[in-house]
Amino acid sequence: MAVALLLTAPLVSGAGRGVVLMFLASPLYMLHQIEEHTGDRFRTYVNRVVFGGVEALTVSDVLWINLPGVWGINLVAVYVAWLAGAAWGLAAAYLILVNGIAHLGMAARFRSYNPGLGTGALLFIPFGVAVALLVPASPGQHALALAIAVAVHAAIIVRVRANVAHAHGR
C-alpha cells in the first residue's frame, strides 16, 4: 500500500506542496511499519528488552496505535491541510518527527538497534524537520501539531504502563 500511495502522490500535487507533504506522511509511515512490525518485531522487542518479558504492548495495542493513532491522524491531517491550509495539517509531520526521535532515544537508552530505528533516523527525522521548515506556519500551529504528536506518544506510554501495572497485579 505504501508503494501504491507513493505512486498516486502526483495526483494530489495540484493541491499544493503542503498538502502533498502531509499526504506523503502515510506512505512513509507504512514503510517504517514494514521495518518495525514485520514478524511482530517491535512489540516483541519492547516486551522483551524494555520491559523484561512483561507484555507491556499487546497486539491489540499495536493495532489501536497504528490505525486511529497514526493512519487516522494522518488522514485527518491531509484533509485539514487541504481544506484549511497546510499549516493546520502539520500534526502528520510532527507525529513522524516525534516517533523518529523516540526510536533514537530508545536506541541510546538500550544501546541497541530497535525495530524502526533505521527508517526513524533516515526517513522520519529528516522528513519531519523538512516539513516543519518548508510549510509556513505560525508558532501556534507548530505548537498545536507538536502537542498532538506528543499526546499520541503520551497515550501510548499511559497504556503501556497500565499493562505493566496489570501484569504485576497493581
C-alpha atoms as a PDB file:
ATOM      1  CA  MET A   1       0.000   0.000   0.000  1.00  0.00           C
ATOM      2  CA  ALA A   2       2.886   2.361   0.731  1.00  0.00           C
ATOM      3  CA  VAL A   3       4.175   1.972  -2.821  1.00  0.00           C
ATOM      4  CA  ALA A   4       0.670   2.461  -4.251  1.00  0.00           C
ATOM      5  CA  LEU A   5       0.226   5.683  -2.271  1.00  0.00           C
ATOM      6  CA  LEU A   6       3.646   6.940  -3.324  1.00  0.00           C
ATOM      7  CA  LEU A   7       2.711   6.273  -6.952  1.00  0.00           C
ATOM      8  CA  THR A   8      -0.510   8.269  -6.547  1.00  0.00           C
ATOM      9  CA  ALA A   9       1.238  11.280  -4.976  1.00  0.00           C
ATOM     10  CA  PRO A  10       1.406  13.118  -8.329  1.00  0.00           C
ATOM     11  CA  LEU A  11      -2.393  13.013  -8.455  1.00  0.00           C
ATOM     12  CA  VAL A  12      -2.606  15.253  -5.378  1.00  0.00           C
ATOM     13  CA  SER A  13       0.171  17.606  -6.483  1.00  0.00           C
ATOM     14  CA  GLY A  14      -2.380  20.158  -7.678  1.00  0.00           C
ATOM     15  CA  ALA A  15      -3.443  20.665  -4.062  1.00  0.00           C
ATOM     16  CA  GLY A  16      -0.107  22.307  -3.287  1.00  0.00           C
ATOM     17  CA  ARG A  17       3.220  21.345  -1.791  1.00  0.00           C
ATOM     18  CA  GLY A  18       1.990  21.393   1.810  1.00  0.00           C
ATOM     19  CA  VAL A  19      -0.903  19.026   1.134  1.00  0.00           C
ATOM     20  CA  VAL A  20       1.415  16.686  -0.800  1.00  0.00           C
ATOM     21  CA  LEU A  21       3.836  16.648   2.133  1.00  0.00           C
ATOM     22  CA  MET A  22       1.030  15.732   4.543  1.00  0.00           C
ATOM     23  CA  PHE A  23      -0.133  13.070   2.067  1.00  0.00           C
ATOM     24  CA  LEU A  24       3.386  11.586   1.957  1.00  0.00           C
ATOM     25  CA  ALA A  25       3.357  11.064   5.722  1.00  0.00           C
ATOM     26  CA  SER A  26       1.168   7.951   5.404  1.00  0.00           C
ATOM     27  CA  PRO A  27       3.234   6.011   2.865  1.00  0.00           C
ATOM     28  CA  LEU A  28       6.407   6.962   4.755  1.00  0.00           C
ATOM     29  CA  TYR A  29       4.825   5.659   7.949  1.00  0.00           C
ATOM     30  CA  MET A  30       3.881   2.452   6.145  1.00  0.00           C
ATOM     31  CA  LEU A  31       7.468   1.926   5.006  1.00  0.00           C
ATOM     32  CA  HIS A  32       8.567   2.482   8.600  1.00  0.00           C
ATOM     33  CA  GLN A  33       5.987  -0.027   9.788  1.00  0.00           C
ATOM     34  CA  ILE A  34       7.458  -2.687   7.495  1.00  0.00           C
ATOM     35  CA  GLU A  35      10.767  -2.354   9.337  1.00  0.00           C
ATOM     36  CA  GLU A  36       9.056  -2.021  12.683  1.00  0.00           C
ATOM     37  CA  HIS A  37       6.305  -4.640  12.658  1.00  0.00           C
ATOM     38  CA  THR A  38       7.310  -7.394  10.217  1.00  0.00           C
ATOM     39  CA  GLY A  39       7.351 -10.565  12.277  1.00  0.00           C
ATOM     40  CA  ASP A  40       5.905  -8.656  15.246  1.00  0.00           C
ATOM     41  CA  ARG A  41       9.429  -7.368  15.873  1.00  0.00           C
ATOM     42  CA  PHE A  42       8.723  -4.060  17.612  1.00  0.00           C
ATOM     43  CA  ARG A  43       6.136  -5.386  20.051  1.00  0.00           C
ATOM     44  CA  THR A  44       8.366  -8.344  20.873  1.00  0.00           C
ATOM     45  CA  TYR A  45      11.392  -6.055  21.333  1.00  0.00           C
ATOM     46  CA  VAL A  46       9.525  -3.698  23.653  1.00  0.00           C
ATOM     47  CA  ASN A  47       8.144  -6.532  25.755  1.00  0.00           C
ATOM     48  CA  ARG A  48      11.445  -8.433  25.950  1.00  0.00           C
ATOM     49  CA  VAL A  49      14.072  -5.688  26.122  1.00  0.00           C
ATOM     50  CA  VAL A  50      12.318  -2.626  27.513  1.00  0.00           C
ATOM     51  CA  PHE A  51      10.011  -4.433  29.963  1.00  0.00           C
ATOM     52  CA  GLY A  52      11.983  -7.596  30.729  1.00  0.00           C
ATOM     53  CA  GLY A  53       9.445 -10.082  29.427  1.00  0.00           C
ATOM     54  CA  VAL A  54       6.261  -8.376  30.626  1.00  0.00           C
ATOM     55  CA  GLU A  55       3.566  -7.989  27.969  1.00  0.00           C
ATOM     56  CA  ALA A  56       3.503  -4.201  28.087  1.00  0.00           C
ATOM     57  CA  LEU A  57       2.417  -3.895  24.471  1.00  0.00           C
ATOM     58  CA  THR A  58      -0.272  -6.224  23.099  1.00  0.00           C
ATOM     59  CA  VAL A  59      -1.212  -6.986  19.508  1.00  0.00           C
ATOM     60  CA  SER A  60      -4.434  -5.070  20.096  1.00  0.00           C
ATOM     61  CA  ASP A  61      -2.457  -2.067  21.376  1.00  0.00           C
ATOM     62  CA  VAL A  62      -0.339  -2.059  18.212  1.00  0.00           C
ATOM     63  CA  LEU A  63      -3.473  -2.021  16.054  1.00  0.00           C
ATOM     64  CA  TRP A  64      -5.085   0.807  18.055  1.00  0.00           C
ATOM     65  CA  ILE A  65      -1.881   2.832  17.995  1.00  0.00           C
ATOM     66  CA  ASN A  66      -1.438   2.490  14.257  1.00  0.00           C
ATOM     67  CA  LEU A  67      -4.955   2.537  12.841  1.00  0.00           C
ATOM     68  CA  PRO A  68      -6.549   5.570  14.512  1.00  0.00           C
ATOM     69  CA  GLY A  69      -3.391   6.908  16.186  1.00  0.00           C
ATOM     70  CA  VAL A  70      -1.236   7.081  13.066  1.00  0.00           C
ATOM     71  CA  TRP A  71      -3.211   6.432   9.898  1.00  0.00           C
ATOM     72  CA  GLY A  72      -6.299   8.177  11.242  1.00  0.00           C
ATOM     73  CA  ILE A  73      -4.394  11.263  12.334  1.00  0.00           C
ATOM     74  CA  ASN A  74      -2.513  11.356   9.033  1.00  0.00           C
ATOM     75  CA  LEU A  75      -5.769  11.092   7.071  1.00  0.00           C
ATOM     76  CA  VAL A  76      -7.334  13.903   9.091  1.00  0.00           C
ATOM     77  CA  ALA A  77      -4.151  15.961   8.662  1.00  0.00           C
ATOM     78  CA  VAL A  78      -4.324  15.649   4.854  1.00  0.00           C
ATOM     79  CA  TYR A  79      -7.936  16.771   4.793  1.00  0.00           C
ATOM     80  CA  VAL A  80      -7.333  19.620   7.230  1.00  0.00           C
ATOM     81  CA  ALA A  81      -4.306  20.725   5.191  1.00  0.00           C
ATOM     82  CA  TRP A  82      -6.396  20.615   2.012  1.00  0.00           C
ATOM     83  CA  LEU A  83      -9.402  22.419   3.496  1.00  0.00           C
ATOM     84  CA  ALA A  84      -7.820  24.912   5.907  1.00  0.00           C
ATOM     85  CA  GLY A  85      -4.203  25.218   4.781  1.00  0.00           C
ATOM     86  CA  ALA A  86      -1.116  23.055   5.074  1.00  0.00           C
ATOM     87  CA  ALA A  87      -0.018  24.505   8.418  1.00  0.00           C
ATOM     88  CA  TRP A  88      -3.128  23.058  10.071  1.00  0.00           C
ATOM     89  CA  GLY A  89      -2.086  19.557   8.949  1.00  0.00           C
ATOM     90  CA  LEU A  90       1.396  19.671  10.468  1.00  0.00           C
ATOM     91  CA  ALA A  91       0.439  17.056  13.068  1.00  0.00           C
ATOM     92  CA  ALA A  92       1.346  14.402  10.460  1.00  0.00           C
ATOM     93  CA  ALA A  93       4.897  15.742  10.188  1.00  0.00           C
ATOM     94  CA  TYR A  94       5.338  16.164  13.923  1.00  0.00           C
ATOM     95  CA  LEU A  95       3.980  12.666  14.589  1.00  0.00           C
ATOM     96  CA  ILE A  96       6.707  11.329  12.302  1.00  0.00           C
ATOM     97  CA  LEU A  97       9.384  13.543  13.867  1.00  0.00           C
ATOM     98  CA  VAL A  98       8.498  12.603  17.455  1.00  0.00           C
ATOM     99  CA  ASN A  99       8.415   8.918  16.520  1.00  0.00           C
ATOM    100  CA  GLY A 100      11.862   9.117  14.902  1.00  0.00           C
ATOM    101  CA  ILE A 101      13.273  10.871  17.967  1.00  0.00           C
ATOM    102  CA  ALA A 102      11.664   8.241  20.217  1.00  0.00           C
ATOM    103  CA  HIS A 103      13.406   5.468  18.267  1.00  0.00           C
ATOM    104  CA  LEU A 104      16.742   7.278  18.641  1.00  0.00           C
ATOM    105  CA  GLY A 105      16.109   7.735  22.362  1.00  0.00           C
ATOM    106  CA  MET A 106      15.305   4.052  22.783  1.00  0.00           C
ATOM    107  CA  ALA A 107      18.455   3.087  20.889  1.00  0.00           C
ATOM    108  CA  ALA A 108      20.559   5.345  23.117  1.00  0.00           C
ATOM    109  CA  ARG A 109      18.882   4.094  26.296  1.00  0.00           C
ATOM    110  CA  PHE A 110      19.305   0.390  25.484  1.00  0.00           C
ATOM    111  CA  ARG A 111      22.454   0.768  23.382  1.00  0.00           C
ATOM    112  CA  SER A 112      20.992  -1.410  20.654  1.00  0.00           C
ATOM    113  CA  TYR A 113      19.011  -1.408  17.462  1.00  0.00           C
ATOM    114  CA  ASN A 114      15.249  -1.360  17.862  1.00  0.00           C
ATOM    115  CA  PRO A 115      12.821  -2.251  15.062  1.00  0.00           C
ATOM    116  CA  GLY A 116      12.011   1.007  13.291  1.00  0.00           C
ATOM    117  CA  LEU A 117      15.277   2.757  14.154  1.00  0.00           C
ATOM    118  CA  GLY A 118      16.619   2.757  10.587  1.00  0.00           C
ATOM    119  CA  THR A 119      13.619   4.396   8.971  1.00  0.00           C
ATOM    120  CA  GLY A 120      13.077   6.540  12.055  1.00  0.00           C
ATOM    121  CA  ALA A 121      16.556   8.017  11.781  1.00  0.00           C
ATOM    122  CA  LEU A 122      16.963   8.045   7.992  1.00  0.00           C
ATOM    123  CA  LEU A 123      13.421   8.982   6.889  1.00  0.00           C
ATOM    124  CA  PHE A 124      11.365  10.276   9.784  1.00  0.00           C
ATOM    125  CA  ILE A 125      13.639  12.833  11.350  1.00  0.00           C
ATOM    126  CA  PRO A 126      14.757  14.443   8.061  1.00  0.00           C
ATOM    127  CA  PHE A 127      11.193  14.400   6.687  1.00  0.00           C
ATOM    128  CA  GLY A 128       9.667  15.822   9.865  1.00  0.00           C
ATOM    129  CA  VAL A 129      12.241  18.605  10.115  1.00  0.00           C
ATOM    130  CA  ALA A 130      11.964  19.424   6.401  1.00  0.00           C
ATOM    131  CA  VAL A 131       8.172  19.659   6.524  1.00  0.00           C
ATOM    132  CA  ALA A 132       8.267  21.791   9.672  1.00  0.00           C
ATOM    133  CA  LEU A 133      10.665  24.163   7.875  1.00  0.00           C
ATOM    134  CA  LEU A 134       9.018  24.115   4.429  1.00  0.00           C
ATOM    135  CA  VAL A 135       5.397  24.656   5.454  1.00  0.00           C
ATOM    136  CA  PRO A 136       4.806  28.247   6.533  1.00  0.00           C
ATOM    137  CA  ALA A 137       3.081  28.144   9.911  1.00  0.00           C
ATOM    138  CA  SER A 138       2.600  30.284  12.973  1.00  0.00           C
ATOM    139  CA  PRO A 139       4.205  29.356  16.284  1.00  0.00           C
ATOM    140  CA  GLY A 140       0.730  28.370  17.479  1.00  0.00           C
ATOM    141  CA  GLN A 141       0.236  25.981  14.559  1.00  0.00           C
ATOM    142  CA  HIS A 142       3.617  24.371  15.237  1.00  0.00           C
ATOM    143  CA  ALA A 143       2.770  24.109  18.941  1.00  0.00           C
ATOM    144  CA  LEU A 144      -0.609  22.510  18.206  1.00  0.00           C
ATOM    145  CA  ALA A 145       0.950  19.977  15.819  1.00  0.00           C
ATOM    146  CA  LEU A 146       3.680  19.120  18.324  1.00  0.00           C
ATOM    147  CA  ALA A 147       1.106  18.834  21.130  1.00  0.00           C
ATOM    148  CA  ILE A 148      -0.927  16.338  19.087  1.00  0.00           C
ATOM    149  CA  ALA A 149       2.168  14.252  18.339  1.00  0.00           C
ATOM    150  CA  VAL A 150       3.304  14.295  21.962  1.00  0.00           C
ATOM    151  CA  ALA A 151      -0.236  13.448  23.150  1.00  0.00           C
ATOM    152  CA  VAL A 152      -0.323  10.356  20.913  1.00  0.00           C
ATOM    153  CA  HIS A 153       3.013   9.182  22.283  1.00  0.00           C
ATOM    154  CA  ALA A 154       1.973  10.015  25.851  1.00  0.00           C
ATOM    155  CA  ALA A 155      -1.198   7.954  25.397  1.00  0.00           C
ATOM    156  CA  ILE A 156       0.950   5.018  24.313  1.00  0.00           C
ATOM    157  CA  ILE A 157       3.084   5.389  27.439  1.00  0.00           C
ATOM    158  CA  VAL A 158      -0.023   5.547  29.655  1.00  0.00           C
ATOM    159  CA  ARG A 159      -1.405   2.385  28.034  1.00  0.00           C
ATOM    160  CA  VAL A 160       1.889   0.513  28.324  1.00  0.00           C
ATOM    161  CA  ARG A 161       2.271   1.492  31.988  1.00  0.00           C
ATOM    162  CA  ALA A 162      -1.280   0.302  32.680  1.00  0.00           C
ATOM    163  CA  ASN A 163      -0.490  -3.040  31.026  1.00  0.00           C
ATOM    164  CA  VAL A 164       2.680  -3.386  33.112  1.00  0.00           C
ATOM    165  CA  ALA A 165       0.827  -2.499  36.334  1.00  0.00           C
ATOM    166  CA  HIS A 166      -1.862  -5.056  35.462  1.00  0.00           C
ATOM    167  CA  ALA A 167       0.771  -7.703  34.784  1.00  0.00           C
ATOM    168  CA  HIS A 168       2.295  -7.034  38.205  1.00  0.00           C
ATOM    169  CA  GLY A 169      -1.116  -7.172  39.873  1.00  0.00           C
ATOM    170  CA  ARG A 170      -1.250  -3.489  40.791  1.00  0.00           C
END
